[in-house]
C-alpha atoms as a PDB file:
ATOM      1  CA  MET A   1     133.383  98.694  76.247  1.00  0.00           C
ATOM      2  CA  GLU A   2     137.068  96.741  75.850  1.00  0.00           C
ATOM      3  CA  LYS A   3     137.072  93.263  76.687  1.00  0.00           C
ATOM      4  CA  THR A   4     139.387  92.177  79.027  1.00  0.00           C
ATOM      5  CA  ILE A   5     142.660  90.254  78.159  1.00  0.00           C
ATOM      6  CA  SER A   6     141.237  86.937  79.667  1.00  0.00           C
ATOM      7  CA  GLU A   7     138.261  87.414  77.448  1.00  0.00           C
ATOM      8  CA  LEU A   8     140.270  87.861  73.702  1.00  0.00           C
ATOM      9  CA  ASP A   9     142.450  84.964  75.645  1.00  0.00           C
ATOM     10  CA  ASN A  10     139.473  82.748  76.046  1.00  0.00           C
ATOM     11  CA  TYR A  11     138.570  83.686  71.819  1.00  0.00           C
ATOM     12  CA  TYR A  12     141.550  81.462  71.023  1.00  0.00           C
ATOM     13  CA  LEU A  13     141.515  79.380  73.391  1.00  0.00           C
ATOM     14  CA  LYS A  14     137.254  78.150  72.622  1.00  0.00           C
ATOM     15  CA  LYS A  15     138.610  77.008  68.814  1.00  0.00           C
ATOM     16  CA  GLU A  16     139.358  73.405  68.154  1.00  0.00           C
ATOM     17  CA  GLU A  17     142.925  72.824  66.973  1.00  0.00           C
ATOM     18  CA  PRO A  18     145.118  73.169  64.599  1.00  0.00           C
ATOM     19  CA  LEU A  19     142.872  76.501  64.232  1.00  0.00           C
ATOM     20  CA  ARG A  20     143.736  78.062  67.886  1.00  0.00           C
ATOM     21  CA  GLY A  21     147.659  77.238  67.086  1.00  0.00           C
ATOM     22  CA  CYS A  22     147.518  78.930  64.022  1.00  0.00           C
ATOM     23  CA  LEU A  23     145.602  81.967  65.725  1.00  0.00           C
ATOM     24  CA  LEU A  24     148.026  81.863  68.474  1.00  0.00           C
ATOM     25  CA  SER A  25     150.911  81.733  66.366  1.00  0.00           C
ATOM     26  CA  LEU A  26     149.869  84.926  63.921  1.00  0.00           C
ATOM     27  CA  ARG A  27     148.808  86.416  67.289  1.00  0.00           C
ATOM     28  CA  LYS A  28     152.292  86.537  68.720  1.00  0.00           C
ATOM     29  CA  LEU A  29     153.805  87.723  65.139  1.00  0.00           C
ATOM     30  CA  ILE A  30     151.733  90.525  65.026  1.00  0.00           C
ATOM     31  CA  LEU A  31     152.211  91.335  68.594  1.00  0.00           C
ATOM     32  CA  LYS A  32     155.760  91.052  68.229  1.00  0.00           C
ATOM     33  CA  GLN A  33     155.810  93.573  65.211  1.00  0.00           C
ATOM     34  CA  ASP A  34     155.935  96.707  67.749  1.00  0.00           C
ATOM     35  CA  LYS A  35     155.856  97.363  71.602  1.00  0.00           C
ATOM     36  CA  GLN A  36     152.742  99.794  70.615  1.00  0.00           C
ATOM     37  CA  VAL A  37     150.729  97.263  69.078  1.00  0.00           C
ATOM     38  CA  TRP A  38     148.022  96.270  71.399  1.00  0.00           C
ATOM     39  CA  GLU A  39     144.860  93.891  70.964  1.00  0.00           C
ATOM     40  CA  THR A  40     141.689  94.379  72.459  1.00  0.00           C
ATOM     41  CA  THR A  41     138.060  93.104  70.093  1.00  0.00           C
ATOM     42  CA  LYS A  42     136.166  94.366  67.628  1.00  0.00           C
ATOM     43  CA  TRP A  43     133.155  92.873  66.013  1.00  0.00           C
ATOM     44  CA  GLY A  44     133.402  89.497  68.197  1.00  0.00           C
ATOM     45  CA  GLY A  45     137.215  88.635  67.089  1.00  0.00           C
ATOM     46  CA  PRO A  46     140.718  90.175  67.897  1.00  0.00           C
ATOM     47  CA  CYS A  47     141.540  93.697  66.612  1.00  0.00           C
ATOM     48  CA  PHE A  48     144.754  94.921  66.868  1.00  0.00           C
ATOM     49  CA  MET A  49     146.230  98.349  67.268  1.00  0.00           C
ATOM     50  CA  TYR A  50     148.838 100.377  66.850  1.00  0.00           C
ATOM     51  CA  ARG A  51     148.296 103.242  69.067  1.00  0.00           C
ATOM     52  CA  ASN A  52     144.884 104.510  68.975  1.00  0.00           C
ATOM     53  CA  ARG A  53     144.110 103.098  64.982  1.00  0.00           C
ATOM     54  CA  MET A  54     142.690  99.912  64.044  1.00  0.00           C
ATOM     55  CA  PHE A  55     145.202  98.098  62.137  1.00  0.00           C
ATOM     56  CA  CYS A  56     144.490  94.766  61.442  1.00  0.00           C
ATOM     57  CA  PHE A  57     141.808  91.582  62.452  1.00  0.00           C
ATOM     58  CA  LEU A  58     142.427  87.763  62.536  1.00  0.00           C
ATOM     59  CA  ALA A  59     139.223  86.586  61.253  1.00  0.00           C
ATOM     60  CA  ILE A  60     137.772  83.078  60.283  1.00  0.00           C
ATOM     61  CA  ASP A  61     136.388  82.360  56.908  1.00  0.00           C
ATOM     62  CA  LYS A  62     133.207  81.254  57.100  1.00  0.00           C
ATOM     63  CA  LYS A  63     133.526  78.796  54.068  1.00  0.00           C
ATOM     64  CA  SER A  64     136.824  77.834  53.974  1.00  0.00           C
ATOM     65  CA  LYS A  65     137.051  77.862  57.549  1.00  0.00           C
ATOM     66  CA  ASN A  66     140.706  78.939  57.712  1.00  0.00           C
ATOM     67  CA  PRO A  67     142.317  82.324  59.804  1.00  0.00           C
ATOM     68  CA  TYR A  68     143.140  85.537  57.147  1.00  0.00           C
ATOM     69  CA  LEU A  69     145.062  88.537  58.348  1.00  0.00           C
ATOM     70  CA  LEU A  70     142.503  91.393  57.560  1.00  0.00           C
ATOM     71  CA  LEU A  71     144.982  94.786  56.868  1.00  0.00           C
ATOM     72  CA  VAL A  72     142.643  97.857  57.503  1.00  0.00           C
ATOM     73  CA  GLU A  73     144.458 100.330  54.645  1.00  0.00           C
ATOM     74  CA  GLY A  74     144.986  97.494  52.761  1.00  0.00           C
ATOM     75  CA  ASN A  75     143.999  99.471  49.767  1.00  0.00           C
ATOM     76  CA  ARG A  76     147.611 101.503  50.851  1.00  0.00           C
ATOM     77  CA  LEU A  77     149.924  97.950  50.619  1.00  0.00           C
ATOM     78  CA  THR A  78     151.578  96.503  47.365  1.00  0.00           C
ATOM     79  CA  ASN A  79     152.006  92.881  48.170  1.00  0.00           C
ATOM     80  CA  PRO A  80     150.859  90.858  45.708  1.00  0.00           C
ATOM     81  CA  LEU A  81     149.933  88.353  47.931  1.00  0.00           C
ATOM     82  CA  LEU A  82     147.456  90.087  49.736  1.00  0.00           C
ATOM     83  CA  GLU A  83     143.831  89.979  48.260  1.00  0.00           C
ATOM     84  CA  THR A  84     141.137  92.677  47.600  1.00  0.00           C
ATOM     85  CA  GLY A  85     137.820  90.467  47.037  1.00  0.00           C
ATOM     86  CA  ASN A  86     135.264  92.811  47.619  1.00  0.00           C
ATOM     87  CA  ARG A  87     136.446  95.319  49.564  1.00  0.00           C
ATOM     88  CA  THR A  88     137.284  98.531  48.718  1.00  0.00           C
ATOM     89  CA  ARG A  89     139.742  99.551  51.694  1.00  0.00           C
ATOM     90  CA  MET A  90     140.966  96.514  53.551  1.00  0.00           C
ATOM     91  CA  LYS A  91     143.162  93.517  51.841  1.00  0.00           C
ATOM     92  CA  SER A  92     143.362  90.277  52.991  1.00  0.00           C
ATOM     93  CA  TYR A  93     146.210  87.383  53.355  1.00  0.00           C
ATOM     94  CA  PRO A  94     144.704  83.970  53.305  1.00  0.00           C
ATOM     95  CA  VAL A  95     146.208  81.638  56.023  1.00  0.00           C
ATOM     96  CA  ALA A  96     146.191  77.934  55.226  1.00  0.00           C
ATOM     97  CA  LEU A  97     145.709  75.305  58.284  1.00  0.00           C
ATOM     98  CA  GLU A  98     146.948  72.459  56.017  1.00  0.00           C
ATOM     99  CA  GLU A  99     149.837  74.301  55.285  1.00  0.00           C
ATOM    100  CA  ASP A 100     153.024  76.192  58.024  1.00  0.00           C
ATOM    101  CA  ILE A 101     152.957  79.510  58.060  1.00  0.00           C
ATOM    102  CA  ALA A 102     155.159  81.647  55.729  1.00  0.00           C
ATOM    103  CA  VAL A 103     156.635  83.661  58.423  1.00  0.00           C
ATOM    104  CA  VAL A 104     159.020  85.586  56.708  1.00  0.00           C
ATOM    105  CA  ILE A 105     155.799  86.748  54.645  1.00  0.00           C
ATOM    106  CA  VAL A 106     153.470  87.433  57.311  1.00  0.00           C
ATOM    107  CA  GLU A 107     155.829  89.797  59.380  1.00  0.00           C
ATOM    108  CA  GLU A 108     156.665  91.611  55.691  1.00  0.00           C
ATOM    109  CA  ILE A 109     153.095  92.452  55.301  1.00  0.00           C
ATOM    110  CA  ILE A 110     152.841  93.552  59.494  1.00  0.00           C
ATOM    111  CA  GLN A 111     155.936  95.985  58.639  1.00  0.00           C
ATOM    112  CA  GLU A 112     154.980  97.232  55.138  1.00  0.00           C
ATOM    113  CA  ALA A 113     151.897  98.009  57.184  1.00  0.00           C
ATOM    114  CA  LEU A 114     153.334  99.715  60.131  1.00  0.00           C
ATOM    115  CA  ALA A 115     155.210 101.546  58.170  1.00  0.00           C
ATOM    116  CA  LEU A 116     152.072 103.771  56.954  1.00  0.00           C
ATOM    117  CA  TYR A 117     151.757 104.337  60.499  1.00  0.00           C
ATOM    118  CA  TRP A 118     155.315 104.869  61.533  1.00  0.00           C
ATOM    119  CA  ASN A 119     156.227 107.351  58.642  1.00  0.00           C
ATOM    120  CA  GLY A 120     152.643 109.719  58.931  1.00  0.00           C
ATOM    121  CA  ILE A 121     150.671 108.052  56.154  1.00  0.00           C
ATOM    122  CA  VAL A 122     148.196 107.285  58.349  1.00  0.00           C
ATOM    123  CA  SER A 123     147.813 109.461  61.444  1.00  0.00           C
ATOM    124  CA  THR A 124     147.864 108.139  64.834  1.00  0.00           C
ATOM    125  CA  LYS A 125     146.370 111.005  66.439  1.00  0.00           C
END
């Protein structure tokens, strides 16, 4: 069952600053990349979909409490700033709360990920 927009908004609003502002900024960056990107929740956090496919997530690292962007098809992405960790398919981009968000880098990562869907490398059917 998908959550309503108010429940999604509540996810962000329950967070303390500066985490809340950082997550909301990342959310805005993700949603503005393509009109067919939309947001829902999966596993208790924000999940962004491109058409009908999971595309990326926003999550919070349990140890550092810093947010990160998790790309579903990360194993197909080449950006050297992405981290694999112990995942085989997904890669993440960590965001440090004490630093400004690298907007250009985040947009480049999102655009590279979306290109997989735009170019048919990942099916959206």
